[in-house]
Amino acid sequence: PFGTKKRVELGRALASRPKLLLLDEPAGGLNHDEVEQ
C-alpha cells in the first residue's frame, strides 16, 4: 500500500544515519489515521 511505501522511503533516508532529515511532503496521499501515525 502507498502508506507503507512512504515508510520504506523514510527508512532508506534514515539508513545513511543522517544528522539532518529533510522530509518533503511526507503526509501527501495519506489518510487521517496514517497522518496521525
Full PDB file with SEQRES, HELIX, SHEET, SSBOND, CRYST1, ORIGX, SCALE, CONECT and MASTER records, all heavy atoms in Angstrom:
SEQRES   1 A   37  PRO PHE GLY THR LYS LYS ARG VAL GLU LEU GLY ARG ALA          
SEQRES   2 A   37  LEU ALA SER ARG PRO LYS LEU LEU LEU LEU ASP GLU PRO          
SEQRES   3 A   37  ALA GLY GLY LEU ASN HIS ASP GLU VAL GLU GLN                  
HELIX    1 AA1 PHE A    2  LEU A   14  1                                  13    
HELIX    2 AA2 HIS A   32  GLU A   36  1                                   5    
CRYST1    1.000    1.000    1.000  90.00  90.00  90.00 P 1           1          
ORIGX1      1.000000  0.000000  0.000000        0.00000                         
ORIGX2      0.000000  1.000000  0.000000        0.00000                         
ORIGX3      0.000000  0.000000  1.000000        0.00000                         
SCALE1      1.000000  0.000000  0.000000        0.00000                         
SCALE2      0.000000  1.000000  0.000000        0.00000                         
SCALE3      0.000000  0.000000  1.000000        0.00000                         
ATOM      1  N   PRO A   1       0.832  -1.206   0.000  1.00  0.00           N  
ATOM      2  CA  PRO A   1       0.000   0.000   0.000  1.00  0.00           C  
ATOM      3  C   PRO A   1       0.868   1.258   0.000  1.00  0.00           C  
ATOM      4  O   PRO A   1       2.021   1.238   0.452  1.00  0.00           O  
ATOM      5  CB  PRO A   1      -0.796  -0.111   1.301  1.00  0.00           C  
ATOM      6  CG  PRO A   1      -0.716  -1.542   1.700  1.00  0.00           C  
ATOM      7  CD  PRO A   1       0.594  -2.052   1.192  1.00  0.00           C  
ATOM      8  N   PHE A   2       0.290   2.354  -0.470  1.00  0.00           N  
ATOM      9  CA  PHE A   2       1.038   3.597  -0.615  1.00  0.00           C  
ATOM     10  C   PHE A   2       1.637   4.066   0.707  1.00  0.00           C  
ATOM     11  O   PHE A   2       2.800   4.481   0.774  1.00  0.00           O  
ATOM     12  CB  PHE A   2       0.125   4.687  -1.191  1.00  0.00           C  
ATOM     13  CG  PHE A   2       0.820   5.996  -1.425  1.00  0.00           C  
ATOM     14  CD1 PHE A   2       1.681   6.153  -2.506  1.00  0.00           C  
ATOM     15  CD2 PHE A   2       0.633   7.067  -0.561  1.00  0.00           C  
ATOM     16  CE1 PHE A   2       2.335   7.364  -2.729  1.00  0.00           C  
ATOM     17  CE2 PHE A   2       1.276   8.279  -0.777  1.00  0.00           C  
ATOM     18  CZ  PHE A   2       2.137   8.422  -1.861  1.00  0.00           C  
ATOM     19  N   GLY A   3       0.861   3.998   1.780  1.00  0.00           N  
ATOM     20  CA  GLY A   3       1.349   4.452   3.070  1.00  0.00           C  
ATOM     21  C   GLY A   3       2.560   3.667   3.538  1.00  0.00           C  
ATOM     22  O   GLY A   3       3.481   4.220   4.155  1.00  0.00           O  
ATOM     23  N   THR A   4       2.585   2.375   3.244  1.00  0.00           N  
ATOM     24  CA  THR A   4       3.730   1.535   3.609  1.00  0.00           C  
ATOM     25  C   THR A   4       4.944   1.906   2.771  1.00  0.00           C  
ATOM     26  O   THR A   4       6.077   1.949   3.269  1.00  0.00           O  
ATOM     27  CB  THR A   4       3.386   0.049   3.414  1.00  0.00           C  
ATOM     28  OG1 THR A   4       2.186  -0.263   4.138  1.00  0.00           O  
ATOM     29  CG2 THR A   4       4.515  -0.846   3.922  1.00  0.00           C  
ATOM     30  N   LYS A   5       4.727   2.189   1.500  1.00  0.00           N  
ATOM     31  CA  LYS A   5       5.832   2.618   0.637  1.00  0.00           C  
ATOM     32  C   LYS A   5       6.475   3.900   1.163  1.00  0.00           C  
ATOM     33  O   LYS A   5       7.696   4.071   1.087  1.00  0.00           O  
ATOM     34  CB  LYS A   5       5.332   2.847  -0.798  1.00  0.00           C  
ATOM     35  CG  LYS A   5       4.923   1.583  -1.539  1.00  0.00           C  
ATOM     36  CD  LYS A   5       4.391   1.928  -2.927  1.00  0.00           C  
ATOM     37  CE  LYS A   5       3.947   0.679  -3.671  1.00  0.00           C  
ATOM     38  NZ  LYS A   5       3.358   0.996  -4.989  1.00  0.00           N  
ATOM     39  N   LYS A   6       5.654   4.790   1.706  1.00  0.00           N  
ATOM     40  CA  LYS A   6       6.202   6.034   2.257  1.00  0.00           C  
ATOM     41  C   LYS A   6       7.141   5.736   3.433  1.00  0.00           C  
ATOM     42  O   LYS A   6       8.178   6.397   3.603  1.00  0.00           O  
ATOM     43  CB  LYS A   6       5.072   6.955   2.719  1.00  0.00           C  
ATOM     44  CG  LYS A   6       4.148   7.425   1.618  1.00  0.00           C  
ATOM     45  CD  LYS A   6       4.687   8.635   0.894  1.00  0.00           C  
ATOM     46  CE  LYS A   6       4.241   9.905   1.540  1.00  0.00           C  
ATOM     47  NZ  LYS A   6       4.484  11.105   0.687  1.00  0.00           N  
ATOM     48  N   ARG A   7       6.797   4.736   4.223  1.00  0.00           N  
ATOM     49  CA  ARG A   7       7.662   4.362   5.345  1.00  0.00           C  
ATOM     50  C   ARG A   7       8.944   3.700   4.857  1.00  0.00           C  
ATOM     51  O   ARG A   7      10.003   3.867   5.472  1.00  0.00           O  
ATOM     52  CB  ARG A   7       6.919   3.449   6.315  1.00  0.00           C  
ATOM     53  CG  ARG A   7       6.036   4.204   7.278  1.00  0.00           C  
ATOM     54  CD  ARG A   7       5.393   3.304   8.309  1.00  0.00           C  
ATOM     55  NE  ARG A   7       4.255   2.587   7.774  1.00  0.00           N  
ATOM     56  CZ  ARG A   7       4.065   1.284   7.870  1.00  0.00           C  
ATOM     57  NH1 ARG A   7       4.946   0.527   8.490  1.00  0.00           N  
ATOM     58  NH2 ARG A   7       2.999   0.724   7.350  1.00  0.00           N  
ATOM     59  N   VAL A   8       8.857   2.971   3.750  1.00  0.00           N  
ATOM     60  CA  VAL A   8      10.063   2.374   3.165  1.00  0.00           C  
ATOM     61  C   VAL A   8      11.016   3.476   2.712  1.00  0.00           C  
ATOM     62  O   VAL A   8      12.228   3.420   2.962  1.00  0.00           O  
ATOM     63  CB  VAL A   8       9.714   1.450   1.986  1.00  0.00           C  
ATOM     64  CG1 VAL A   8      10.995   0.913   1.323  1.00  0.00           C  
ATOM     65  CG2 VAL A   8       8.853   0.282   2.453  1.00  0.00           C  
ATOM     66  N   GLU A   9      10.479   4.504   2.068  1.00  0.00           N  
ATOM     67  CA  GLU A   9      11.344   5.600   1.623  1.00  0.00           C  
ATOM     68  C   GLU A   9      11.951   6.326   2.819  1.00  0.00           C  
ATOM     69  O   GLU A   9      13.113   6.738   2.787  1.00  0.00           O  
ATOM     70  CB  GLU A   9      10.572   6.594   0.755  1.00  0.00           C  
ATOM     71  CG  GLU A   9      11.519   7.620   0.145  1.00  0.00           C  
ATOM     72  CD  GLU A   9      10.830   8.705  -0.644  1.00  0.00           C  
ATOM     73  OE1 GLU A   9       9.736   9.120  -0.250  1.00  0.00           O  
ATOM     74  OE2 GLU A   9      11.420   9.133  -1.640  1.00  0.00           O  
ATOM     75  N   LEU A  10      11.182   6.457   3.879  1.00  0.00           N  
ATOM     76  CA  LEU A  10      11.708   7.070   5.097  1.00  0.00           C  
ATOM     77  C   LEU A  10      12.859   6.229   5.647  1.00  0.00           C  
ATOM     78  O   LEU A  10      13.899   6.760   6.061  1.00  0.00           O  
ATOM     79  CB  LEU A  10      10.588   7.205   6.119  1.00  0.00           C  
ATOM     80  CG  LEU A  10      10.933   7.823   7.471  1.00  0.00           C  
ATOM     81  CD1 LEU A  10      11.581   9.191   7.301  1.00  0.00           C  
ATOM     82  CD2 LEU A  10       9.681   7.934   8.324  1.00  0.00           C  
ATOM     83  N   GLY A  11      12.687   4.903   5.618  1.00  0.00           N  
ATOM     84  CA  GLY A  11      13.750   4.017   6.074  1.00  0.00           C  
ATOM     85  C   GLY A  11      15.007   4.158   5.242  1.00  0.00           C  
ATOM     86  O   GLY A  11      16.129   4.146   5.778  1.00  0.00           O  
ATOM     87  N   ARG A  12      14.845   4.307   3.958  1.00  0.00           N  
ATOM     88  CA  ARG A  12      16.009   4.470   3.087  1.00  0.00           C  
ATOM     89  C   ARG A  12      16.741   5.782   3.406  1.00  0.00           C  
ATOM     90  O   ARG A  12      17.973   5.828   3.423  1.00  0.00           O  
ATOM     91  CB  ARG A  12      15.587   4.455   1.617  1.00  0.00           C  
ATOM     92  CG  ARG A  12      16.768   4.419   0.659  1.00  0.00           C  
ATOM     93  CD  ARG A  12      16.332   4.198  -0.772  1.00  0.00           C  
ATOM     94  NE  ARG A  12      15.549   5.311  -1.274  1.00  0.00           N  
ATOM     95  CZ  ARG A  12      15.065   5.379  -2.509  1.00  0.00           C  
ATOM     96  NH1 ARG A  12      15.265   4.378  -3.349  1.00  0.00           N  
ATOM     97  NH2 ARG A  12      14.363   6.415  -2.910  1.00  0.00           N  
ATOM     98  N   ALA A  13      15.990   6.845   3.684  1.00  0.00           N  
ATOM     99  CA  ALA A  13      16.619   8.120   4.042  1.00  0.00           C  
ATOM    100  C   ALA A  13      17.354   8.021   5.382  1.00  0.00           C  
ATOM    101  O   ALA A  13      18.402   8.638   5.571  1.00  0.00           O  
ATOM    102  CB  ALA A  13      15.566   9.224   4.094  1.00  0.00           C  
ATOM    103  N   LEU A  14      16.808   7.235   6.304  1.00  0.00           N  
ATOM    104  CA  LEU A  14      17.421   7.094   7.627  1.00  0.00           C  
ATOM    105  C   LEU A  14      18.620   6.155   7.614  1.00  0.00           C  
ATOM    106  O   LEU A  14      19.453   6.206   8.522  1.00  0.00           O  
ATOM    107  CB  LEU A  14      16.388   6.573   8.627  1.00  0.00           C  
ATOM    108  CG  LEU A  14      15.261   7.536   9.001  1.00  0.00           C  
ATOM    109  CD1 LEU A  14      14.198   6.806   9.818  1.00  0.00           C  
ATOM    110  CD2 LEU A  14      15.806   8.728   9.772  1.00  0.00           C  
ATOM    111  N   ALA A  15      18.704   5.297   6.611  1.00  0.00           N  
ATOM    112  CA  ALA A  15      19.766   4.287   6.578  1.00  0.00           C  
ATOM    113  C   ALA A  15      21.156   4.890   6.510  1.00  0.00           C  
ATOM    114  O   ALA A  15      22.127   4.266   6.935  1.00  0.00           O  
ATOM    115  CB  ALA A  15      19.549   3.337   5.404  1.00  0.00           C  
ATOM    116  N   SER A  16      21.267   6.109   5.985  1.00  0.00           N  
ATOM    117  CA  SER A  16      22.576   6.761   5.895  1.00  0.00           C  
ATOM    118  C   SER A  16      22.971   7.442   7.205  1.00  0.00           C  
ATOM    119  O   SER A  16      23.969   8.146   7.258  1.00  0.00           O  
ATOM    120  CB  SER A  16      22.578   7.789   4.758  1.00  0.00           C  
ATOM    121  OG  SER A  16      21.655   8.845   5.035  1.00  0.00           O  
ATOM    122  N   ARG A  17      22.174   7.228   8.262  1.00  0.00           N  
ATOM    123  CA  ARG A  17      22.427   7.809   9.594  1.00  0.00           C  
ATOM    124  C   ARG A  17      22.555   9.338   9.536  1.00  0.00           C  
ATOM    125  O   ARG A  17      23.558   9.905   9.987  1.00  0.00           O  
ATOM    126  CB  ARG A  17      23.670   7.198  10.228  1.00  0.00           C  
ATOM    127  CG  ARG A  17      23.608   5.690  10.416  1.00  0.00           C  
ATOM    128  CD  ARG A  17      24.887   5.167  11.039  1.00  0.00           C  
ATOM    129  NE  ARG A  17      24.912   3.715  11.121  1.00  0.00           N  
ATOM    130  CZ  ARG A  17      24.532   2.987  12.169  1.00  0.00           C  
ATOM    131  NH1 ARG A  17      24.069   3.610  13.232  1.00  0.00           N  
ATOM    132  NH2 ARG A  17      24.604   1.680  12.151  1.00  0.00           N  
ATOM    133  N   PRO A  18      21.554  10.015   9.004  1.00  0.00           N  
ATOM    134  CA  PRO A  18      21.669  11.480   8.863  1.00  0.00           C  
ATOM    135  C   PRO A  18      21.602  12.198  10.202  1.00  0.00           C  
ATOM    136  O   PRO A  18      20.998  11.721  11.163  1.00  0.00           O  
ATOM    137  CB  PRO A  18      20.458  11.837   7.996  1.00  0.00           C  
ATOM    138  CG  PRO A  18      19.445  10.786   8.335  1.00  0.00           C  
ATOM    139  CD  PRO A  18      20.249   9.524   8.521  1.00  0.00           C  
ATOM    140  N   LYS A  19      22.221  13.366  10.240  1.00  0.00           N  
ATOM    141  CA  LYS A  19      22.069  14.274  11.368  1.00  0.00           C  
ATOM    142  C   LYS A  19      20.888  15.211  11.112  1.00  0.00           C  
ATOM    143  O   LYS A  19      20.258  15.698  12.047  1.00  0.00           O  
ATOM    144  CB  LYS A  19      23.343  15.087  11.554  1.00  0.00           C  
ATOM    145  CG  LYS A  19      24.575  14.230  11.833  1.00  0.00           C  
ATOM    146  CD  LYS A  19      25.837  15.060  11.758  1.00  0.00           C  
ATOM    147  CE  LYS A  19      27.081  14.184  11.885  1.00  0.00           C  
ATOM    148  NZ  LYS A  19      28.330  14.964  11.698  1.00  0.00           N  
ATOM    149  N   LEU A  20      20.635  15.473   9.814  1.00  0.00           N  
ATOM    150  CA  LEU A  20      19.515  16.312   9.385  1.00  0.00           C  
ATOM    151  C   LEU A  20      18.669  15.516   8.399  1.00  0.00           C  
ATOM    152  O   LEU A  20      19.184  15.019   7.397  1.00  0.00           O  
ATOM    153  CB  LEU A  20      20.018  17.583   8.714  1.00  0.00           C  
ATOM    154  CG  LEU A  20      18.955  18.488   8.070  1.00  0.00           C  
ATOM    155  CD1 LEU A  20      18.006  19.059   9.120  1.00  0.00           C  
ATOM    156  CD2 LEU A  20      19.617  19.619   7.277  1.00  0.00           C  
ATOM    157  N   LEU A  21      17.381  15.376   8.702  1.00  0.00           N  
ATOM    158  CA  LEU A  21      16.458  14.652   7.835  1.00  0.00           C  
ATOM    159  C   LEU A  21      15.518  15.647   7.168  1.00  0.00           C  
ATOM    160  O   LEU A  21      14.797  16.389   7.851  1.00  0.00           O  
ATOM    161  CB  LEU A  21      15.658  13.631   8.645  1.00  0.00           C  
ATOM    162  CG  LEU A  21      14.608  12.820   7.890  1.00  0.00           C  
ATOM    163  CD1 LEU A  21      15.261  11.943   6.822  1.00  0.00           C  
ATOM    164  CD2 LEU A  21      13.795  11.955   8.861  1.00  0.00           C  
ATOM    165  N   LEU A  22      15.525  15.688   5.840  1.00  0.00           N  
ATOM    166  CA  LEU A  22      14.643  16.558   5.067  1.00  0.00           C  
ATOM    167  C   LEU A  22      13.435  15.739   4.613  1.00  0.00           C  
ATOM    168  O   LEU A  22      13.575  14.782   3.844  1.00  0.00           O  
ATOM    169  CB  LEU A  22      15.382  17.108   3.843  1.00  0.00           C  
ATOM    170  CG  LEU A  22      16.724  17.800   4.091  1.00  0.00           C  
ATOM    171  CD1 LEU A  22      17.361  18.215   2.764  1.00  0.00           C  
ATOM    172  CD2 LEU A  22      16.562  19.003   5.008  1.00  0.00           C  
ATOM    173  N   LEU A  23      12.258  16.096   5.082  1.00  0.00           N  
ATOM    174  CA  LEU A  23      11.033  15.390   4.726  1.00  0.00           C  
ATOM    175  C   LEU A  23      10.208  16.256   3.780  1.00  0.00           C  
ATOM    176  O   LEU A  23       9.724  17.318   4.168  1.00  0.00           O  
ATOM    177  CB  LEU A  23      10.210  15.063   5.985  1.00  0.00           C  
ATOM    178  CG  LEU A  23      10.862  14.127   7.009  1.00  0.00           C  
ATOM    179  CD1 LEU A  23       9.930  13.918   8.194  1.00  0.00           C  
ATOM    180  CD2 LEU A  23      11.209  12.785   6.367  1.00  0.00           C  
ATOM    181  N   ASP A  24      10.057  15.818   2.543  1.00  0.00           N  
ATOM    182  CA  ASP A  24       9.357  16.578   1.513  1.00  0.00           C  
ATOM    183  C   ASP A  24       7.964  16.010   1.311  1.00  0.00           C  
ATOM    184  O   ASP A  24       7.792  14.964   0.688  1.00  0.00           O  
ATOM    185  CB  ASP A  24      10.167  16.530   0.208  1.00  0.00           C  
ATOM    186  CG  ASP A  24       9.721  17.587  -0.794  1.00  0.00           C  
ATOM    187  OD1 ASP A  24       8.720  18.278  -0.524  1.00  0.00           O  
ATOM    188  OD2 ASP A  24      10.377  17.726  -1.841  1.00  0.00           O  
ATOM    189  N   GLU A  25       6.964  16.678   1.873  1.00  0.00           N  
ATOM    190  CA  GLU A  25       5.549  16.286   1.777  1.00  0.00           C  
ATOM    191  C   GLU A  25       5.336  14.839   2.241  1.00  0.00           C  
ATOM    192  O   GLU A  25       4.739  14.022   1.516  1.00  0.00           O  
ATOM    193  CB  GLU A  25       5.049  16.444   0.330  1.00  0.00           C  
ATOM    194  CG  GLU A  25       5.148  17.860  -0.208  1.00  0.00           C  
ATOM    195  CD  GLU A  25       4.041  18.772   0.290  1.00  0.00           C  
ATOM    196  OE1 GLU A  25       3.216  18.307   1.093  1.00  0.00           O  
ATOM    197  OE2 GLU A  25       4.015  19.933  -0.105  1.00  0.00           O  
ATOM    198  N   PRO A  26       5.764  14.467   3.441  1.00  0.00           N  
ATOM    199  CA  PRO A  26       5.611  13.069   3.876  1.00  0.00           C  
ATOM    200  C   PRO A  26       4.159  12.638   4.070  1.00  0.00           C  
ATOM    201  O   PRO A  26       3.855  11.451   4.026  1.00  0.00           O  
ATOM    202  CB  PRO A  26       6.373  13.030   5.205  1.00  0.00           C  
ATOM    203  CG  PRO A  26       6.305  14.433   5.709  1.00  0.00           C  
ATOM    204  CD  PRO A  26       6.407  15.290   4.478  1.00  0.00           C  
ATOM    205  N   ALA A  27       3.241  13.591   4.285  1.00  0.00           N  
ATOM    206  CA  ALA A  27       1.839  13.239   4.513  1.00  0.00           C  
ATOM    207  C   ALA A  27       1.025  13.178   3.223  1.00  0.00           C  
ATOM    208  O   ALA A  27      -0.150  12.802   3.249  1.00  0.00           O  
ATOM    209  CB  ALA A  27       1.191  14.232   5.475  1.00  0.00           C  
ATOM    210  N   GLY A  28       1.645  13.524   2.094  1.00  0.00           N  
ATOM    211  CA  GLY A  28       0.925  13.505   0.818  1.00  0.00           C  
ATOM    212  C   GLY A  28       0.371  12.127   0.496  1.00  0.00           C  
ATOM    213  O   GLY A  28       1.102  11.139   0.496  1.00  0.00           O  
ATOM    214  N   GLY A  29      -0.933  12.044   0.240  1.00  0.00           N  
ATOM    215  CA  GLY A  29      -1.568  10.783  -0.130  1.00  0.00           C  
ATOM    216  C   GLY A  29      -1.955   9.896   1.037  1.00  0.00           C  
ATOM    217  O   GLY A  29      -2.488   8.798   0.837  1.00  0.00           O  
ATOM    218  N   LEU A  30      -1.713  10.351   2.274  1.00  0.00           N  
ATOM    219  CA  LEU A  30      -2.049   9.540   3.444  1.00  0.00           C  
ATOM    220  C   LEU A  30      -3.438   9.898   3.967  1.00  0.00           C  
ATOM    221  O   LEU A  30      -3.884  11.031   3.844  1.00  0.00           O  
ATOM    222  CB  LEU A  30      -1.023   9.762   4.558  1.00  0.00           C  
ATOM    223  CG  LEU A  30       0.444   9.446   4.243  1.00  0.00           C  
ATOM    224  CD1 LEU A  30       1.292   9.630   5.505  1.00  0.00           C  
ATOM    225  CD2 LEU A  30       0.608   8.039   3.679  1.00  0.00           C  
ATOM    226  N   ASN A  31      -4.110   8.909   4.571  1.00  0.00           N  
ATOM    227  CA  ASN A  31      -5.413   9.185   5.178  1.00  0.00           C  
ATOM    228  C   ASN A  31      -5.227   9.734   6.591  1.00  0.00           C  
ATOM    229  O   ASN A  31      -4.100   9.849   7.092  1.00  0.00           O  
ATOM    230  CB  ASN A  31      -6.298   7.932   5.167  1.00  0.00           C  
ATOM    231  CG  ASN A  31      -5.711   6.781   5.983  1.00  0.00           C  
ATOM    232  OD1 ASN A  31      -5.105   6.990   7.042  1.00  0.00           O  
ATOM    233  ND2 ASN A  31      -5.898   5.562   5.500  1.00  0.00           N  
ATOM    234  N   HIS A  32      -6.339  10.069   7.238  1.00  0.00           N  
ATOM    235  CA  HIS A  32      -6.277  10.729   8.543  1.00  0.00           C  
ATOM    236  C   HIS A  32      -5.505   9.906   9.564  1.00  0.00           C  
ATOM    237  O   HIS A  32      -4.648  10.436  10.291  1.00  0.00           O  
ATOM    238  CB  HIS A  32      -7.691  11.007   9.057  1.00  0.00           C  
ATOM    239  CG  HIS A  32      -7.737  11.596  10.435  1.00  0.00           C  
ATOM    240  ND1 HIS A  32      -7.473  12.928  10.690  1.00  0.00           N  
ATOM    241  CD2 HIS A  32      -7.982  11.019  11.652  1.00  0.00           C  
ATOM    242  CE1 HIS A  32      -7.560  13.155  11.982  1.00  0.00           C  
ATOM    243  NE2 HIS A  32      -7.871  12.025  12.591  1.00  0.00           N  
ATOM    244  N   ASP A  33      -5.798   8.619   9.647  1.00  0.00           N  
ATOM    245  CA  ASP A  33      -5.121   7.760  10.624  1.00  0.00           C  
ATOM    246  C   ASP A  33      -3.627   7.656  10.324  1.00  0.00           C  
ATOM    247  O   ASP A  33      -2.798   7.667  11.249  1.00  0.00           O  
ATOM    248  CB  ASP A  33      -5.750   6.366  10.633  1.00  0.00           C  
ATOM    249  CG  ASP A  33      -7.155   6.360  11.236  1.00  0.00           C  
ATOM    250  OD1 ASP A  33      -7.481   7.319  11.979  1.00  0.00           O  
ATOM    251  OD2 ASP A  33      -7.912   5.415  10.960  1.00  0.00           O  
ATOM    252  N   GLU A  34      -3.291   7.558   9.045  1.00  0.00           N  
ATOM    253  CA  GLU A  34      -1.879   7.452   8.669  1.00  0.00           C  
ATOM    254  C   GLU A  34      -1.124   8.738   8.984  1.00  0.00           C  
ATOM    255  O   GLU A  34       0.049   8.695   9.371  1.00  0.00           O  
ATOM    256  CB  GLU A  34      -1.767   7.103   7.179  1.00  0.00           C  
ATOM    257  CG  GLU A  34      -2.190   5.687   6.844  1.00  0.00           C  
ATOM    258  CD  GLU A  34      -2.283   5.429   5.349  1.00  0.00           C  
ATOM    259  OE1 GLU A  34      -2.515   6.402   4.589  1.00  0.00           O  
ATOM    260  OE2 GLU A  34      -2.133   4.266   4.932  1.00  0.00           O  
ATOM    261  N   VAL A  35      -1.779   9.890   8.830  1.00  0.00           N  
ATOM    262  CA  VAL A  35      -1.137  11.167   9.163  1.00  0.00           C  
ATOM    263  C   VAL A  35      -0.854  11.231  10.659  1.00  0.00           C  
ATOM    264  O   VAL A  35       0.216  11.687  11.090  1.00  0.00           O  
ATOM    265  CB  VAL A  35      -2.012  12.360   8.723  1.00  0.00           C  
ATOM    266  CG1 VAL A  35      -1.461  13.676   9.275  1.00  0.00           C  
ATOM    267  CG2 VAL A  35      -2.078  12.431   7.199  1.00  0.00           C  
ATOM    268  N   GLU A  36      -1.786  10.768  11.474  1.00  0.00           N  
ATOM    269  CA  GLU A  36      -1.576  10.764  12.918  1.00  0.00           C  
ATOM    270  C   GLU A  36      -0.430   9.826  13.295  1.00  0.00           C  
ATOM    271  O   GLU A  36       0.400  10.148  14.152  1.00  0.00           O  
ATOM    272  CB  GLU A  36      -2.865  10.345  13.631  1.00  0.00           C  
ATOM    273  CG  GLU A  36      -2.769  10.333  15.147  1.00  0.00           C  
ATOM    274  CD  GLU A  36      -2.382  11.671  15.748  1.00  0.00           C  
ATOM    275  OE1 GLU A  36      -2.642  12.715  15.119  1.00  0.00           O  
ATOM    276  OE2 GLU A  36      -1.801  11.682  16.856  1.00  0.00           O  
ATOM    277  N   GLN A  37      -0.351   8.673  12.649  1.00  0.00           N  
ATOM    278  CA  GLN A  37       0.754   7.749  12.894  1.00  0.00           C  
ATOM    279  C   GLN A  37       2.087   8.372  12.467  1.00  0.00           C  
ATOM    280  O   GLN A  37       3.111   8.191  13.131  1.00  0.00           O  
ATOM    281  CB  GLN A  37       0.511   6.438  12.133  1.00  0.00           C  
ATOM    282  CG  GLN A  37      -0.652   5.622  12.663  1.00  0.00           C  
ATOM    283  CD  GLN A  37      -1.080   4.510  11.713  1.00  0.00           C  
ATOM    284  OE1 GLN A  37      -0.391   4.220  10.734  1.00  0.00           O  
ATOM    285  NE2 GLN A  37      -2.213   3.891  11.998  1.00  0.00           N  
TER     286      GLN A  37                                                      
MASTER        0    0    0    2    0    0    0    6  285    1    0    3          
END                                                                             
